[in-house]
N, C-alpha and C. Protein backbone atom coordinates (compact mmCIF):
# COMPACT_ATOMS: atom_id res chain seq x y z
N UNK A 1 129.18 150.97 83.01
CA UNK A 1 128.19 150.83 83.16
C UNK A 1 127.13 151.90 83.82
N UNK A 2 126.23 152.41 82.54
CA UNK A 2 125.73 153.93 83.28
C UNK A 2 123.88 153.29 83.65
N UNK A 3 123.76 153.64 84.88
CA UNK A 3 122.50 153.22 85.58
C UNK A 3 121.40 154.64 86.11
N UNK A 4 120.08 154.90 85.39
CA UNK A 4 119.24 155.91 85.38
C UNK A 4 118.89 155.68 86.67
N UNK A 5 118.25 157.46 87.27
CA UNK A 5 117.12 156.87 88.06
C UNK A 5 116.04 156.52 87.14
N UNK A 6 115.70 156.97 86.51
CA UNK A 6 114.44 156.35 85.63
C UNK A 6 114.60 155.16 85.36
N UNK A 7 115.67 154.07 85.00
CA UNK A 7 115.93 152.60 84.72
C UNK A 7 115.27 152.15 86.24
N UNK A 8 115.53 152.47 87.22
CA UNK A 8 115.97 151.80 88.71
C UNK A 8 113.97 152.13 88.92
N UNK A 9 113.58 153.21 89.13
CA UNK A 9 111.98 154.03 89.15
C UNK A 9 111.22 152.59 88.21
N UNK A 10 111.76 152.49 86.64
CA UNK A 10 110.89 151.92 86.22
C UNK A 10 111.21 150.15 85.96
N UNK A 11 112.18 150.05 86.89
CA UNK A 11 112.09 148.33 87.52
C UNK A 11 111.98 148.39 88.71
N UNK A 12 111.79 149.24 89.65
CA UNK A 12 110.56 149.17 90.70
C UNK A 12 109.49 149.06 90.49
N UNK A 13 108.74 149.77 89.85
CA UNK A 13 107.53 149.95 89.05
C UNK A 13 107.12 148.79 88.76
N UNK A 14 107.97 148.06 87.96
CA UNK A 14 107.52 146.90 87.44
C UNK A 14 107.45 145.57 88.60
N UNK A 15 108.38 145.94 89.18
CA UNK A 15 108.76 144.75 90.28
C UNK A 15 107.10 144.91 91.53
N UNK A 16 106.83 145.94 91.83
CA UNK A 16 105.64 146.16 92.59
C UNK A 16 104.23 145.68 91.85
N UNK A 17 104.41 145.75 90.70
CA UNK A 17 103.13 145.67 89.68
C UNK A 17 103.11 144.01 89.42
N UNK A 18 104.22 143.60 89.69
CA UNK A 18 104.14 142.00 89.29
C UNK A 18 103.78 141.48 90.96
N UNK A 19 104.63 142.10 92.09
CA UNK A 19 103.81 141.49 93.54
C UNK A 19 102.75 141.48 93.67
N UNK A 20 102.00 142.83 93.05
CA UNK A 20 100.49 143.03 93.10
C UNK A 20 99.84 141.82 92.46
N UNK A 21 100.45 141.67 91.69
CA UNK A 21 99.66 140.29 90.43
C UNK A 21 99.64 139.07 91.11
N UNK A 22 100.64 138.76 91.92
CA UNK A 22 100.86 137.75 92.43
C UNK A 22 99.85 137.82 93.47
N UNK A 23 100.17 138.76 94.43
CA UNK A 23 98.70 139.10 95.40
C UNK A 23 97.53 138.48 95.03
N UNK A 24 96.96 138.91 94.17
CA UNK A 24 95.96 138.49 93.63
C UNK A 24 95.88 137.48 92.78
N UNK A 25 96.75 137.01 92.59
CA UNK A 25 96.51 135.17 91.80
C UNK A 25 96.63 134.74 93.29
N UNK A 26 97.22 134.78 94.37
CA UNK A 26 97.12 134.06 95.55
C UNK A 26 95.66 134.05 96.29
N UNK A 27 95.17 135.55 96.16
CA UNK A 27 93.68 135.25 96.82
C UNK A 27 92.81 134.72 95.61
N UNK A 28 92.66 134.77 95.11
CA UNK A 28 91.80 134.01 93.48
C UNK A 28 92.24 132.50 94.12
N UNK A 29 92.94 131.69 94.16
CA UNK A 29 93.37 130.45 93.79
C UNK A 29 92.66 129.79 95.57
N UNK A 30 92.57 131.05 96.48
CA UNK A 30 92.44 130.42 97.69
C UNK A 30 90.55 130.53 97.68
N UNK A 31 89.92 131.64 97.13
CA UNK A 31 88.83 131.64 97.01
C UNK A 31 88.35 130.77 95.96
N UNK A 32 88.94 130.77 94.79
CA UNK A 32 88.45 130.01 93.81
C UNK A 32 88.53 128.41 94.15
N UNK A 33 89.28 128.07 94.32
CA UNK A 33 89.96 126.29 94.62
C UNK A 33 89.90 126.00 95.92
N UNK A 34 90.03 126.36 96.89
CA UNK A 34 90.43 126.29 98.44
C UNK A 34 88.76 126.10 99.17
N UNK A 35 88.00 126.74 98.62
CA UNK A 35 86.71 126.87 99.51
C UNK A 35 85.69 126.03 98.56
N UNK A 36 86.31 125.51 97.58
CA UNK A 36 84.91 124.78 96.64
C UNK A 36 85.13 122.98 97.76
N UNK A 37 83.84 122.64 97.46
CA UNK A 37 83.44 121.36 98.24
C UNK A 37 84.52 120.45 97.79
N UNK A 38 84.88 120.72 96.61
CA UNK A 38 85.83 119.14 95.82
C UNK A 38 87.35 119.10 96.73
N UNK A 39 87.61 120.30 96.91
CA UNK A 39 88.42 120.73 97.53
C UNK A 39 88.63 120.19 99.16
N UNK A 40 87.50 120.47 99.71
CA UNK A 40 87.46 120.24 101.07
C UNK A 40 87.33 118.22 101.15
N UNK A 41 86.54 117.83 99.92
CA UNK A 41 86.39 116.60 99.92
C UNK A 41 87.75 116.01 100.22
N UNK A 42 88.64 116.53 99.27
CA UNK A 42 90.23 115.92 99.07
C UNK A 42 90.83 115.58 100.45
N UNK A 43 90.69 116.99 100.86
CA UNK A 43 91.23 117.79 102.23
C UNK A 43 91.05 116.51 102.93
N UNK A 44 89.58 116.20 103.54
CA UNK A 44 89.01 114.64 104.15
C UNK A 44 89.67 113.59 104.04
N UNK A 45 89.78 113.31 103.08
CA UNK A 45 89.77 112.04 102.64
C UNK A 45 91.37 111.82 102.78
N UNK A 46 92.22 113.00 101.83
CA UNK A 46 94.03 113.19 102.70
C UNK A 46 93.97 113.01 104.26
N UNK A 47 93.17 113.63 104.79
CA UNK A 47 93.44 113.33 106.50
C UNK A 47 93.03 112.13 106.70
N UNK A 48 91.75 111.48 106.06
CA UNK A 48 91.64 109.82 106.77
C UNK A 48 92.16 108.64 106.49
N UNK A 49 93.42 108.85 105.29
CA UNK A 49 94.03 107.95 104.94
C UNK A 49 95.62 108.26 105.91
N UNK A 50 95.44 109.35 106.12
CA UNK A 50 96.61 109.61 106.97
C UNK A 50 96.99 109.92 108.56
N UNK A 51 95.86 109.54 109.24
CA UNK A 51 95.89 110.37 110.42
C UNK A 51 96.08 109.25 111.27
N UNK A 52 97.01 108.14 111.25
CA UNK A 52 97.44 107.33 111.99
C UNK A 52 98.97 107.35 111.87
N UNK A 53 99.32 108.27 110.96
CA UNK A 53 101.03 108.77 110.83
C UNK A 53 101.60 108.91 112.55
N UNK A 54 100.56 109.64 113.26
CA UNK A 54 101.05 110.26 114.67
C UNK A 54 100.85 108.59 115.52
N UNK A 55 100.54 107.70 115.19
CA UNK A 55 100.59 106.35 115.72
C UNK A 55 101.87 105.98 115.68
N UNK A 56 101.80 105.62 114.31
CA UNK A 56 103.62 105.09 113.56
C UNK A 56 104.63 105.83 114.78
N UNK A 57 104.66 107.05 114.18
CA UNK A 57 105.77 107.93 114.76
C UNK A 57 105.77 107.63 116.37
N UNK A 58 104.84 107.02 117.45
CA UNK A 58 104.90 106.99 118.44
C UNK A 58 105.76 105.54 118.56
N UNK A 59 104.84 104.32 117.85
CA UNK A 59 105.47 103.09 117.67
C UNK A 59 106.83 103.18 117.50
N UNK A 60 107.56 104.76 116.42
CA UNK A 60 108.88 104.35 116.23
C UNK A 60 109.75 104.49 117.28
N UNK A 61 109.07 105.61 118.50
CA UNK A 61 109.87 106.03 119.58
C UNK A 61 109.83 104.89 120.63
N UNK A 62 108.84 104.28 120.67
CA UNK A 62 108.86 103.27 121.72
C UNK A 62 110.32 101.96 120.94
N UNK A 63 109.99 101.74 119.44
CA UNK A 63 111.33 100.69 119.23
C UNK A 63 112.57 101.18 119.47
N UNK A 64 112.83 102.70 119.06
CA UNK A 64 114.40 103.06 119.65
C UNK A 64 114.53 102.89 120.93
N UNK A 65 113.41 103.81 122.19
CA UNK A 65 113.60 103.50 123.24
C UNK A 65 114.17 101.97 123.47
N UNK A 66 113.10 101.17 123.46
CA UNK A 66 113.25 99.43 123.56
C UNK A 66 114.85 98.68 122.75
N UNK A 67 115.48 99.43 121.71
CA UNK A 67 116.54 98.76 121.49
C UNK A 67 117.48 99.91 120.83
N UNK A 68 117.70 100.55 121.73
CA UNK A 68 118.98 101.25 121.73
C UNK A 68 120.42 100.64 122.12
N UNK A 69 120.18 99.07 123.00
CA UNK A 69 121.52 98.37 122.94
C UNK A 69 122.00 97.62 121.94
N UNK A 70 120.86 97.63 120.80
CA UNK A 70 121.31 96.76 119.63
C UNK A 70 122.37 97.96 119.18
N UNK A 71 121.80 99.33 118.90
CA UNK A 71 122.77 100.03 118.09
C UNK A 71 124.22 100.12 118.28
N UNK A 72 124.50 100.12 119.90
CA UNK A 72 125.52 100.35 120.65
C UNK A 72 126.29 98.97 120.60
N UNK A 73 125.96 97.66 120.47
CA UNK A 73 126.46 96.69 119.92
C UNK A 73 127.04 96.57 118.74
N UNK A 74 125.94 96.84 117.53
CA UNK A 74 126.30 97.15 116.66
C UNK A 74 127.97 97.94 116.34
N UNK A 75 127.66 98.89 116.66
CA UNK A 75 128.80 100.12 117.20
C UNK A 75 130.15 99.39 117.35
N UNK A 76 129.87 98.28 118.45
CA UNK A 76 130.90 98.29 118.92
C UNK A 76 131.47 96.92 118.08
N UNK A 77 130.78 96.09 117.66
CA UNK A 77 131.29 95.17 116.61
C UNK A 77 132.25 95.78 115.62
N UNK A 78 131.72 96.82 114.88
CA UNK A 78 132.36 97.27 113.60
C UNK A 78 133.04 98.82 113.80
N UNK A 79 133.30 99.18 115.38
CA UNK A 79 133.98 100.13 115.44
C UNK A 79 135.05 100.38 114.62
N UNK A 80 135.81 99.03 114.34
CA UNK A 80 137.47 99.73 113.75
C UNK A 80 136.98 99.92 112.35
N UNK A 81 136.14 99.16 111.80
CA UNK A 81 135.95 99.44 110.22
C UNK A 81 135.03 100.77 110.14
N UNK A 82 134.28 101.35 110.88
CA UNK A 82 133.79 102.86 110.79
C UNK A 82 134.77 103.89 110.76
N UNK A 83 135.44 103.39 112.21
CA UNK A 83 136.57 104.62 112.16
C UNK A 83 137.81 104.22 110.61
N UNK A 84 138.01 103.23 110.30
CA UNK A 84 138.96 103.32 109.04
C UNK A 84 137.89 104.04 108.15
N UNK A 85 136.11 103.76 107.62
CA UNK A 85 135.73 104.55 106.77
C UNK A 85 135.85 106.04 107.02
N UNK A 86 135.62 106.26 108.22
CA UNK A 86 135.66 107.68 108.52
C UNK A 86 136.99 108.30 108.33
N UNK A 87 138.26 108.24 108.37
CA UNK A 87 139.76 108.09 108.18
C UNK A 87 139.77 108.41 106.72
N UNK A 88 139.20 107.48 105.68
CA UNK A 88 139.63 107.11 104.63
C UNK A 88 138.40 108.45 104.23
N UNK A 89 137.59 108.88 103.94
CA UNK A 89 136.72 109.80 104.03
C UNK A 89 137.27 111.18 104.38
N UNK A 90 137.73 111.44 105.63
CA UNK A 90 138.43 112.87 105.45
C UNK A 90 139.79 113.16 104.83
N UNK A 91 140.24 111.77 104.48
CA UNK A 91 141.61 112.20 103.74
C UNK A 91 140.81 112.36 102.31
N UNK A 92 139.98 111.41 101.80
CA UNK A 92 139.44 111.95 100.23
C UNK A 92 138.93 113.54 100.56
N UNK A 93 138.34 113.83 101.75
CA UNK A 93 137.69 115.18 101.50
C UNK A 93 138.44 116.11 101.32
N UNK A 94 139.59 115.84 102.15
CA UNK A 94 141.28 117.05 102.08
C UNK A 94 141.84 116.46 100.74
N UNK A 95 142.03 116.09 100.03
CA UNK A 95 142.65 115.55 98.68
C UNK A 95 143.36 114.94 98.86
N UNK A 96 144.03 114.25 100.02
CA UNK A 96 145.35 113.52 100.66
C UNK A 96 144.79 111.71 100.55
N UNK A 97 144.56 111.69 99.59
CA UNK A 97 144.41 110.09 99.72
C UNK A 97 145.61 109.34 98.97
N UNK A 98 146.68 110.19 98.73
CA UNK A 98 147.98 109.59 98.46
C UNK A 98 148.99 109.34 99.73
N UNK A 99 148.50 110.29 100.47
CA UNK A 99 149.23 110.24 102.03
C UNK A 99 148.67 109.41 102.90
N UNK A 100 147.23 108.68 103.01
CA UNK A 100 146.84 108.17 103.28
C UNK A 100 147.06 106.66 102.79
N UNK A 101 147.10 106.41 102.01
CA UNK A 101 147.63 105.01 101.65
C UNK A 101 149.24 104.90 101.79
N UNK A 102 149.97 105.93 101.63
CA UNK A 102 151.16 105.92 102.14
C UNK A 102 151.22 105.41 103.56
N UNK A 103 150.60 106.35 104.70
CA UNK A 103 150.85 105.67 105.80
C UNK A 103 149.67 104.62 106.30
N UNK A 104 148.66 104.18 105.95
CA UNK A 104 148.06 103.44 106.37
C UNK A 104 147.70 102.43 105.14
N UNK A 105 148.66 101.28 104.76
CA UNK A 105 148.72 100.20 103.57
C UNK A 105 148.05 99.35 104.34
N UNK A 106 147.95 99.06 105.65
CA UNK A 106 146.69 97.96 106.20
C UNK A 106 145.54 98.27 105.88
N UNK A 107 145.00 99.46 106.26
CA UNK A 107 143.44 100.23 106.29
C UNK A 107 143.52 100.09 104.90
N UNK A 108 143.98 100.29 103.51
CA UNK A 108 143.77 100.58 102.51
C UNK A 108 143.28 99.30 102.11
N UNK A 109 143.95 97.70 102.85
CA UNK A 109 143.77 96.50 102.08
C UNK A 109 142.68 96.41 102.40
N UNK A 110 142.29 96.88 103.59
CA UNK A 110 141.22 96.00 104.28
C UNK A 110 140.14 96.66 103.80
N UNK A 111 140.11 97.87 103.44
CA UNK A 111 138.39 98.92 102.88
C UNK A 111 138.51 97.74 101.25
N UNK A 112 139.57 97.80 100.76
CA UNK A 112 139.52 97.21 99.55
C UNK A 112 138.85 95.53 99.07
N UNK A 113 139.67 94.80 100.44
CA UNK A 113 138.69 93.68 100.65
C UNK A 113 137.04 93.70 100.70
N UNK A 114 136.40 94.53 101.64
CA UNK A 114 134.92 94.87 101.81
C UNK A 114 134.62 95.27 100.94
N UNK A 115 135.58 95.79 99.72
CA UNK A 115 134.95 96.66 98.08
C UNK A 115 134.12 98.22 98.64
N UNK A 116 134.90 98.62 99.98
CA UNK A 116 134.55 99.93 100.05
C UNK A 116 135.61 101.10 99.26
N UNK A 117 136.21 100.62 98.99
CA UNK A 117 137.44 101.43 97.65
C UNK A 117 137.45 100.46 96.82
N UNK A 118 138.23 101.11 95.51
CA UNK A 118 138.38 100.36 94.36
C UNK A 118 140.08 99.85 94.57
């Protein structure tokens, strides 16, 4: 593959021309669309409808702080099941499912009973 300096310079000129066109298009967009009254009104409406998102965020934080124990209880109840699923996924990712089936047939039965695997 032979590449000439002229080819490289031509491609560079094309790139610089396109880059300049993108800059101009961006300026046009900002000046013609974003500074219109219609655009400003859309932004105001959007802000007014979504300004309570920060309040929701605070409510989520409060709920999380008040209910940390629920998550721990759920984990303690389902610890064995979670570990089995994680172990199965590990062997699946390593493409050693046959080894997992040979080594832990009881876990395979449990995972099939809960329909985690077929």
